[in-house]
Amino acid sequence: MAVESMLSLGTRLSFSEHDAYWIIDYVCTLTWLRGTIEVHDEMDDMRSEYEAMKMLPKVTLKDMFMNSMLRIPLFIAMMVMICQQLSGINAVMFFSTKIFKMAKLDDMDAQYATLGMGSINVLMTVVSLVLVERAGRKTLLLIGFSGMCLTCILLTICLAYVNSAAWVSHFSIFLVIFFVVMFATGPGSIPWFLVSELFNQSARPAATSLAVAVNWTANFIVGIAFLPLQEALGGHVFIIFSVLLALFVVFVYRKVPETKNKTMEEITAMFRQISYQ
């Protein structure tokens, strides 16, 4: 039924035969993601949006900043990207081996711990793809950033007392891995597709371009700033990330909307109402 529905949809939208294969693949993926074959309503919404977008003019970068209905979700999208990069994940990933050495592991054990951390990051990212449709985007972002904030606080304490006992160094390893788990649970993947959920098709290309540019700019800043800060502050460098993560939790709680099970029309109407306030 779902595949037949998609073939019908492809015909109505005048897609080529090649596109039809992509549509069938998409509906199969959507059926798996939703856990049900009843995806007809969602696909009809997508068809309606597609038809409506053909009637709208192309959105430019200038429009993204001048139109309040677009500026508000753009601000949210860019801020979530900043939250992702300034959460400290790249600092942990780039310099994980150095962090493990600070926890008094030898060179070989530090490299093994780094490899294990990367593997867990991949595994938990896959798990988050299932969780996101059950728990919701906002919920997973809050859980992820809150867990990372608590981990940074504990990691700062452990690195300050790493010479006092052997168990402290091992606990530091656990905290670094748990930090990665919390990141992969939500903040690692959600910002990338949240952008597409906040904008309709006409504004999506411009919004994605701006959000990705902000993401990589923040990535660059962390990459060049963390090592000098770490050399100056030692283990106390994670206090900075603890404060930032606490602010990110507040931002997500107050500003980021939940897009789970919401149509594009509902999300657009929500931002329209906010822009009029």
Protein backbone atom coordinates (compact mmCIF):
# COMPACT_ATOMS: atom_id res chain seq x y z
CA MET A 1 0.00 0.00 0.00
CA ALA A 2 2.75 2.44 0.95
CA VAL A 3 4.73 1.78 -2.23
CA GLU A 4 1.62 2.08 -4.39
CA SER A 5 0.85 5.35 -2.66
CA MET A 6 4.31 6.62 -3.49
CA LEU A 7 4.03 5.63 -7.14
CA SER A 8 0.76 7.52 -7.27
CA LEU A 9 2.43 10.50 -5.61
CA GLY A 10 5.29 10.38 -8.09
CA THR A 11 2.82 10.42 -10.96
CA ARG A 12 0.90 13.39 -9.57
CA LEU A 13 4.11 15.36 -9.10
CA SER A 14 5.33 14.50 -12.62
CA PHE A 15 8.56 12.90 -11.41
CA SER A 16 10.74 10.93 -13.80
CA GLU A 17 11.13 7.16 -13.55
CA HIS A 18 14.51 7.67 -11.89
CA ASP A 19 12.93 9.94 -9.30
CA ALA A 20 10.22 7.35 -8.67
CA TYR A 21 12.82 4.87 -7.46
CA TRP A 22 14.06 7.47 -4.98
CA ILE A 23 10.48 8.04 -3.82
CA ILE A 24 9.96 4.32 -3.23
CA ASP A 25 13.21 4.18 -1.28
CA TYR A 26 12.12 7.20 0.74
CA VAL A 27 8.73 5.77 1.67
CA CYS A 28 10.34 2.49 2.72
CA THR A 29 12.73 4.42 4.93
CA LEU A 30 9.89 6.55 6.31
CA THR A 31 7.85 3.43 7.03
CA TRP A 32 10.76 1.93 8.94
CA LEU A 33 11.40 5.18 10.82
CA ARG A 34 7.77 5.68 11.86
CA GLY A 35 7.24 1.98 12.63
CA THR A 36 4.03 1.88 10.59
CA ILE A 37 2.91 1.67 6.98
CA GLU A 38 0.39 4.44 7.61
CA VAL A 39 2.53 7.24 6.22
CA HIS A 40 0.03 8.40 3.60
CA ASP A 41 -1.03 11.52 5.48
CA GLU A 42 2.57 12.63 5.95
CA MET A 43 3.33 12.08 2.28
CA ASP A 44 0.18 13.99 1.31
CA ASP A 45 1.40 16.87 3.47
CA MET A 46 4.71 16.77 1.64
CA ARG A 47 2.89 16.81 -1.71
CA SER A 48 0.80 19.78 -0.59
CA GLU A 49 3.91 21.61 0.55
CA TYR A 50 5.62 20.84 -2.77
CA GLU A 51 2.70 22.25 -4.73
CA ALA A 52 2.48 25.31 -2.48
CA MET A 53 6.20 26.02 -2.72
CA LYS A 54 6.03 26.19 -6.52
CA MET A 55 3.83 29.24 -6.09
CA LEU A 56 6.26 31.06 -3.78
CA PRO A 57 9.20 33.22 -4.89
CA LYS A 58 12.72 32.07 -4.14
CA VAL A 59 14.00 33.16 -0.73
CA THR A 60 17.31 35.04 -0.75
CA LEU A 61 19.86 35.49 2.01
CA LYS A 62 18.62 39.04 2.48
CA ASP A 63 15.09 37.76 3.01
CA MET A 64 16.34 35.44 5.75
CA PHE A 65 17.39 38.42 7.85
CA MET A 66 14.71 40.93 6.85
CA ASN A 67 11.62 38.73 7.20
CA SER A 68 10.79 38.18 10.89
CA MET A 69 9.02 34.90 10.11
CA LEU A 70 12.32 33.60 8.72
CA ARG A 71 14.69 35.47 11.02
CA ILE A 72 13.38 33.79 14.19
CA PRO A 73 13.85 30.17 13.03
CA LEU A 74 17.16 31.17 11.42
CA PHE A 75 18.39 32.47 14.77
CA ILE A 76 17.33 29.21 16.41
CA ALA A 77 19.01 27.11 13.70
CA MET A 78 22.30 29.02 13.92
CA MET A 79 22.29 29.01 17.71
CA VAL A 80 21.74 25.25 17.84
CA MET A 81 24.74 24.85 15.52
CA ILE A 82 26.80 27.07 17.81
CA CYS A 83 25.62 25.05 20.81
CA GLN A 84 26.78 21.88 19.10
CA GLN A 85 30.30 23.12 18.39
CA LEU A 86 30.89 25.13 21.58
CA SER A 87 29.66 22.24 23.73
CA GLY A 88 33.24 21.01 23.91
CA ILE A 89 32.82 17.89 21.79
CA ASN A 90 35.46 18.90 19.27
CA ALA A 91 37.84 19.81 22.08
CA VAL A 92 37.33 16.33 23.50
CA MET A 93 37.61 14.62 20.11
CA PHE A 94 40.59 16.63 18.85
CA PHE A 95 42.56 16.32 22.06
CA SER A 96 41.13 13.15 23.61
CA THR A 97 44.51 11.40 23.69
CA LYS A 98 46.01 14.36 25.54
CA ILE A 99 43.11 14.31 27.99
CA PHE A 100 43.66 10.61 28.65
CA LYS A 101 47.35 11.27 29.26
CA MET A 102 46.37 13.95 31.76
CA ALA A 103 44.41 11.17 33.43
CA LYS A 104 47.72 9.30 33.74
CA LEU A 105 47.25 6.71 30.98
CA ASP A 106 50.33 5.66 29.01
CA ASP A 107 50.57 6.40 25.28
CA MET A 108 49.20 3.07 24.05
CA ASP A 109 46.27 2.98 26.48
CA ALA A 110 45.41 6.60 25.62
CA GLN A 111 45.24 5.76 21.90
CA TYR A 112 43.06 2.70 22.56
CA ALA A 113 40.72 4.80 24.70
CA THR A 114 40.46 7.38 21.90
CA LEU A 115 39.57 4.67 19.36
CA GLY A 116 36.95 3.28 21.72
CA MET A 117 35.47 6.74 22.19
CA GLY A 118 35.13 7.22 18.43
CA SER A 119 33.43 3.84 18.05
CA ILE A 120 30.94 4.65 20.78
CA ASN A 121 30.20 7.98 19.11
CA VAL A 122 29.24 6.19 15.88
CA LEU A 123 27.16 3.58 17.73
CA MET A 124 25.21 6.10 19.78
CA THR A 125 24.56 8.26 16.72
CA VAL A 126 22.79 5.29 15.12
CA VAL A 127 20.81 4.71 18.32
CA SER A 128 19.77 8.37 18.40
CA LEU A 129 18.14 7.98 14.97
CA VAL A 130 15.63 5.64 16.60
CA LEU A 131 15.22 7.66 19.80
CA VAL A 132 14.58 10.97 18.05
CA GLU A 133 11.16 9.91 16.74
CA ARG A 134 10.11 8.54 20.12
CA ALA A 135 11.49 11.03 22.61
CA GLY A 136 11.45 14.15 20.42
CA ARG A 137 14.12 16.57 19.25
CA LYS A 138 13.91 19.06 22.09
CA THR A 139 13.90 16.35 24.76
CA LEU A 140 17.04 14.70 23.41
CA LEU A 141 18.80 18.05 23.08
CA LEU A 142 18.00 18.84 26.72
CA ILE A 143 19.13 15.40 27.90
CA GLY A 144 22.32 15.61 25.85
CA PHE A 145 23.39 19.11 26.86
CA SER A 146 22.44 18.55 30.52
CA GLY A 147 24.43 15.32 30.66
CA MET A 148 27.41 16.98 29.00
CA CYS A 149 27.26 19.88 31.46
CA LEU A 150 27.28 17.54 34.46
CA THR A 151 30.08 15.51 32.91
CA CYS A 152 32.23 18.62 32.37
CA ILE A 153 31.83 19.60 36.02
CA LEU A 154 32.81 16.12 37.23
CA LEU A 155 35.69 15.92 34.74
CA THR A 156 37.07 19.22 36.01
CA ILE A 157 37.05 17.87 39.57
CA CYS A 158 38.62 14.55 38.56
CA LEU A 159 41.44 16.16 36.58
CA ALA A 160 42.20 18.40 39.56
CA TYR A 161 42.65 15.33 41.81
CA VAL A 162 43.97 12.87 39.24
CA ASN A 163 47.17 12.33 41.24
CA SER A 164 45.38 11.45 44.45
CA ALA A 165 44.16 7.95 43.53
CA ALA A 166 44.25 5.51 40.63
CA TRP A 167 40.46 5.21 40.47
CA VAL A 168 40.17 8.92 39.69
CA SER A 169 42.05 8.50 36.41
CA HIS A 170 39.85 5.58 35.41
CA PHE A 171 36.73 7.53 36.31
CA SER A 172 38.00 10.36 34.10
CA ILE A 173 38.09 7.95 31.18
CA PHE A 174 34.50 6.96 31.88
CA LEU A 175 33.46 10.61 32.02
CA VAL A 176 35.04 11.40 28.65
CA ILE A 177 33.28 8.44 27.05
CA PHE A 178 30.00 9.35 28.75
CA PHE A 179 30.43 12.91 27.43
CA VAL A 180 30.57 11.50 23.90
CA VAL A 181 27.52 9.31 24.57
CA MET A 182 25.50 12.33 25.71
CA PHE A 183 26.62 14.29 22.65
CA ALA A 184 25.68 11.53 20.23
CA THR A 185 22.30 11.08 21.94
CA GLY A 186 21.00 14.37 20.59
CA PRO A 187 23.31 17.37 20.08
CA GLY A 188 25.43 15.47 17.58
CA SER A 189 22.80 14.73 14.97
CA ILE A 190 19.67 16.78 15.68
CA PRO A 191 21.01 20.25 14.71
CA TRP A 192 21.70 19.04 11.17
CA PHE A 193 18.14 18.00 10.33
CA LEU A 194 16.42 20.46 12.66
CA VAL A 195 17.26 23.17 10.14
CA SER A 196 15.23 21.44 7.44
CA GLU A 197 12.29 21.01 9.80
CA LEU A 198 12.14 24.70 10.72
CA PHE A 199 11.89 25.97 7.13
CA ASN A 200 9.75 25.25 4.12
CA GLN A 201 11.29 24.23 0.81
CA SER A 202 11.72 27.75 -0.54
CA ALA A 203 13.77 28.95 2.44
CA ARG A 204 15.55 25.69 3.22
CA PRO A 205 18.61 26.09 0.91
CA ALA A 206 19.48 29.57 2.20
CA ALA A 207 18.86 28.58 5.83
CA THR A 208 20.99 25.45 5.51
CA SER A 209 23.84 27.40 3.92
CA LEU A 210 23.89 29.94 6.74
CA ALA A 211 23.57 27.32 9.48
CA VAL A 212 26.40 25.19 8.08
CA ALA A 213 28.63 28.26 7.70
CA VAL A 214 28.03 29.14 11.35
CA ASN A 215 28.72 25.54 12.38
CA TRP A 216 32.10 25.36 10.67
CA THR A 217 33.07 28.83 11.87
CA ALA A 218 32.40 27.75 15.45
CA ASN A 219 34.32 24.53 14.76
CA PHE A 220 37.32 26.57 13.59
CA ILE A 221 37.21 28.81 16.66
CA VAL A 222 37.21 25.83 19.02
CA GLY A 223 40.03 24.18 17.09
CA ILE A 224 42.39 27.13 17.40
CA ALA A 225 41.35 28.28 20.87
CA PHE A 226 41.17 25.09 22.93
CA LEU A 227 44.86 24.14 23.01
CA PRO A 228 46.10 27.55 24.27
CA LEU A 229 43.30 27.56 26.86
CA GLN A 230 44.14 24.01 27.91
CA GLU A 231 47.83 24.87 28.31
CA ALA A 232 46.93 27.92 30.38
CA LEU A 233 44.16 26.39 32.52
CA GLY A 234 44.92 22.68 32.48
CA GLY A 235 41.96 20.56 33.55
CA HIS A 236 40.08 23.69 34.60
CA VAL A 237 39.46 24.47 30.92
CA PHE A 238 36.28 22.40 31.13
CA ILE A 239 34.80 24.95 33.50
CA ILE A 240 34.32 27.15 30.42
CA PHE A 241 32.40 24.42 28.66
CA SER A 242 30.35 23.72 31.79
CA VAL A 243 29.16 27.33 31.85
CA LEU A 244 28.43 27.33 28.11
CA LEU A 245 26.51 24.05 28.33
CA ALA A 246 24.39 25.39 31.18
CA LEU A 247 23.49 28.39 29.01
CA PHE A 248 22.72 26.09 26.09
CA VAL A 249 20.30 24.07 28.22
CA VAL A 250 18.44 27.27 29.11
CA PHE A 251 18.36 28.36 25.46
CA VAL A 252 17.02 25.02 24.21
CA TYR A 253 14.38 24.92 26.95
CA ARG A 254 13.14 28.44 26.28
CA LYS A 255 13.59 28.94 22.54
CA VAL A 256 13.82 25.69 20.58
CA PRO A 257 10.39 24.36 19.52
CA GLU A 258 9.51 20.68 19.47
CA THR A 259 8.99 19.64 15.85
CA LYS A 260 8.10 16.02 16.51
CA ASN A 261 4.86 15.01 14.72
CA LYS A 262 4.30 18.58 13.48
CA THR A 263 3.63 19.49 9.88
CA MET A 264 5.44 22.29 8.08
CA GLU A 265 2.24 24.31 8.14
CA GLU A 266 1.98 24.01 11.93
CA ILE A 267 5.61 25.06 12.40
CA THR A 268 5.22 27.99 10.02
CA ALA A 269 2.05 29.11 11.79
CA MET A 270 3.87 28.98 15.13
CA PHE A 271 6.66 31.28 13.91
CA ARG A 272 4.11 33.56 12.26
CA GLN A 273 2.36 33.98 15.60
CA ILE A 274 5.67 34.67 17.37
CA SER A 275 6.66 37.27 14.76
CA TYR A 276 3.41 39.15 15.34
CA GLN A 277 3.96 39.39 19.10
